[in-house]
C-alpha atoms as a PDB file:
ATOM      1  CA  MET A   1     178.585 153.964 117.661  1.00  0.00           C
ATOM      2  CA  THR A   2     182.005 155.469 118.406  1.00  0.00           C
ATOM      3  CA  ARG A   3     185.257 154.394 116.844  1.00  0.00           C
ATOM      4  CA  GLY A   4     188.350 153.357 118.746  1.00  0.00           C
ATOM      5  CA  PHE A   5     189.581 150.808 121.203  1.00  0.00           C
ATOM      6  CA  THR A   6     188.556 150.165 124.744  1.00  0.00           C
ATOM      7  CA  LEU A   7     191.078 150.185 127.561  1.00  0.00           C
ATOM      8  CA  VAL A   8     190.685 146.417 128.016  1.00  0.00           C
ATOM      9  CA  GLU A   9     191.506 145.759 124.356  1.00  0.00           C
ATOM     10  CA  LEU A  10     194.571 147.988 124.554  1.00  0.00           C
ATOM     11  CA  LEU A  11     195.815 146.258 127.717  1.00  0.00           C
ATOM     12  CA  ALA A  12     195.288 142.831 126.142  1.00  0.00           C
ATOM     13  CA  VAL A  13     197.387 143.787 123.117  1.00  0.00           C
ATOM     14  CA  LEU A  14     200.133 145.218 125.343  1.00  0.00           C
ATOM     15  CA  ALA A  15     200.164 142.029 127.438  1.00  0.00           C
ATOM     16  CA  ILE A  16     200.524 139.867 124.315  1.00  0.00           C
ATOM     17  CA  LEU A  17     203.340 142.080 123.012  1.00  0.00           C
ATOM     18  CA  GLY A  18     205.067 141.926 126.400  1.00  0.00           C
ATOM     19  CA  VAL A  19     204.980 138.124 126.459  1.00  0.00           C
ATOM     20  CA  GLY A  20     206.346 138.005 122.913  1.00  0.00           C
ATOM     21  CA  ALA A  21     209.170 140.392 123.782  1.00  0.00           C
ATOM     22  CA  GLY A  22     210.021 138.336 126.866  1.00  0.00           C
ATOM     23  CA  VAL A  23     210.250 135.124 124.864  1.00  0.00           C
ATOM     24  CA  ALA A  24     212.415 136.833 122.235  1.00  0.00           C
ATOM     25  CA  ALA A  25     214.741 138.241 124.908  1.00  0.00           C
ATOM     26  CA  LEU A  26     215.216 134.787 126.419  1.00  0.00           C
ATOM     27  CA  ALA A  27     216.119 133.345 123.004  1.00  0.00           C
ATOM     28  CA  LEU A  28     218.832 135.922 122.215  1.00  0.00           C
ATOM     29  CA  PRO A  29     221.764 134.171 123.985  1.00  0.00           C
ATOM     30  CA  SER A  30     221.172 131.002 121.963  1.00  0.00           C
ATOM     31  CA  LEU A  31     221.733 132.935 118.726  1.00  0.00           C
ATOM     32  CA  GLN A  32     225.369 133.650 119.549  1.00  0.00           C
ATOM     33  CA  PRO A  33     227.910 131.235 118.033  1.00  0.00           C
ATOM     34  CA  VAL A  34     229.345 128.596 120.318  1.00  0.00           C
ATOM     35  CA  PRO A  35     233.031 129.183 121.165  1.00  0.00           C
ATOM     36  CA  GLY A  36     235.167 126.994 118.972  1.00  0.00           C
ATOM     37  CA  SER A  37     232.450 126.254 116.406  1.00  0.00           C
ATOM     38  CA  GLU A  38     234.598 127.630 113.561  1.00  0.00           C
ATOM     39  CA  VAL A  39     237.445 125.336 114.674  1.00  0.00           C
ATOM     40  CA  PHE A  40     235.074 122.339 114.644  1.00  0.00           C
ATOM     41  CA  ARG A  41     233.957 123.257 111.120  1.00  0.00           C
ATOM     42  CA  ALA A  42     237.552 123.620 109.936  1.00  0.00           C
ATOM     43  CA  LEU A  43     238.567 120.274 111.454  1.00  0.00           C
ATOM     44  CA  HIS A  44     235.573 118.537 109.911  1.00  0.00           C
ATOM     45  CA  ALA A  45     236.310 120.105 106.514  1.00  0.00           C
ATOM     46  CA  ALA A  46     239.973 119.041 106.680  1.00  0.00           C
ATOM     47  CA  ARG A  47     239.018 115.451 107.553  1.00  0.00           C
ATOM     48  CA  ALA A  48     236.428 115.374 104.752  1.00  0.00           C
ATOM     49  CA  ALA A  49     238.976 116.754 102.272  1.00  0.00           C
ATOM     50  CA  ALA A  50     241.462 114.031 103.235  1.00  0.00           C
ATOM     51  CA  VAL A  51     238.900 111.267 102.789  1.00  0.00           C
ATOM     52  CA  ARG A  52     237.563 112.732  99.540  1.00  0.00           C
ATOM     53  CA  SER A  53     240.946 113.395  97.916  1.00  0.00           C
ATOM     54  CA  GLY A  54     242.720 110.254  99.102  1.00  0.00           C
ATOM     55  CA  ARG A  55     245.646 112.364 100.368  1.00  0.00           C
ATOM     56  CA  ALA A  56     246.713 113.511 103.804  1.00  0.00           C
ATOM     57  CA  VAL A  57     245.564 116.994 104.802  1.00  0.00           C
ATOM     58  CA  VAL A  58     247.238 119.035 107.529  1.00  0.00           C
ATOM     59  CA  TRP A  59     245.173 121.521 109.536  1.00  0.00           C
ATOM     60  CA  ARG A  60     247.113 124.201 111.410  1.00  0.00           C
ATOM     61  CA  GLN A  61     246.232 126.827 113.973  1.00  0.00           C
ATOM     62  CA  GLY A  62     249.154 128.653 115.521  1.00  0.00           C
ATOM     63  CA  THR A  63     251.631 126.042 116.710  1.00  0.00           C
ATOM     64  CA  VAL A  64     249.122 123.160 116.661  1.00  0.00           C
ATOM     65  CA  ALA A  65     248.930 120.896 113.619  1.00  0.00           C
ATOM     66  CA  VAL A  66     246.625 117.925 113.073  1.00  0.00           C
ATOM     67  CA  ARG A  67     247.197 115.588 110.146  1.00  0.00           C
ATOM     68  CA  PHE A  68     244.149 113.825 108.708  1.00  0.00           C
ATOM     69  CA  LEU A  69     244.775 110.662 106.705  1.00  0.00           C
ATOM     70  CA  PRO A  70     242.693 109.320 103.797  1.00  0.00           C
ATOM     71  CA  ASP A  71     241.160 106.574 105.956  1.00  0.00           C
ATOM     72  CA  GLY A  72     239.657 109.233 108.263  1.00  0.00           C
ATOM     73  CA  SER A  73     242.141 108.790 111.099  1.00  0.00           C
ATOM     74  CA  SER A  74     244.367 111.586 112.345  1.00  0.00           C
ATOM     75  CA  SER A  75     247.519 112.349 114.266  1.00  0.00           C
ATOM     76  CA  GLY A  76     245.291 113.394 117.170  1.00  0.00           C
ATOM     77  CA  GLY A  77     245.809 116.467 119.230  1.00  0.00           C
ATOM     78  CA  ARG A  78     244.572 118.975 121.746  1.00  0.00           C
ATOM     79  CA  ILE A  79     243.493 122.449 120.631  1.00  0.00           C
ATOM     80  CA  ALA A  80     242.730 125.243 123.106  1.00  0.00           C
ATOM     81  CA  VAL A  81     240.186 127.821 121.926  1.00  0.00           C
ATOM     82  CA  ASP A  82     239.223 130.494 124.465  1.00  0.00           C
ATOM     83  CA  SER A  83     237.997 128.508 127.490  1.00  0.00           C
ATOM     84  CA  LEU A  84     237.294 125.422 125.373  1.00  0.00           C
ATOM     85  CA  VAL A  85     239.613 122.458 124.779  1.00  0.00           C
ATOM     86  CA  ILE A  86     239.038 120.399 121.634  1.00  0.00           C
ATOM     87  CA  TRP A  87     240.398 116.865 121.470  1.00  0.00           C
ATOM     88  CA  VAL A  88     240.916 115.138 118.114  1.00  0.00           C
ATOM     89  CA  ASP A  89     240.678 111.345 118.305  1.00  0.00           C
ATOM     90  CA  PRO A  90     243.612 109.658 116.521  1.00  0.00           C
ATOM     91  CA  LEU A  91     241.581 106.587 115.456  1.00  0.00           C
ATOM     92  CA  THR A  92     238.460 108.220 114.084  1.00  0.00           C
ATOM     93  CA  GLY A  93     239.633 111.787 113.433  1.00  0.00           C
ATOM     94  CA  SER A  94     236.539 113.119 115.172  1.00  0.00           C
ATOM     95  CA  ALA A  95     236.743 116.213 117.350  1.00  0.00           C
ATOM     96  CA  ARG A  96     235.050 116.599 120.719  1.00  0.00           C
ATOM     97  CA  ALA A  97     234.985 119.417 123.222  1.00  0.00           C
ATOM     98  CA  ALA A  98     235.921 119.351 126.871  1.00  0.00           C
ATOM     99  CA  ARG A  99     235.630 122.331 129.212  1.00  0.00           C
END
């Protein structure tokens, strides 16, 4: 009996590797951070700090400032990040994106 692989076995392995590489290539764009995600995190952290500490917290980026109050509300505002616009709700202090 000889050692080695047949051509069919080699082609099967290459086909499986090709499918795996194709799936991995399709998943790559989803690994990039969403534009504005760091701003969302900063806004959420500022609101949480205001609620936790019982004091108003002001978040600033450039000329935009949003004030979060201890009850979770905010001064509201519109923040432009790249092609994304983030709105901060004055009643709830939550941020949402609009393109």
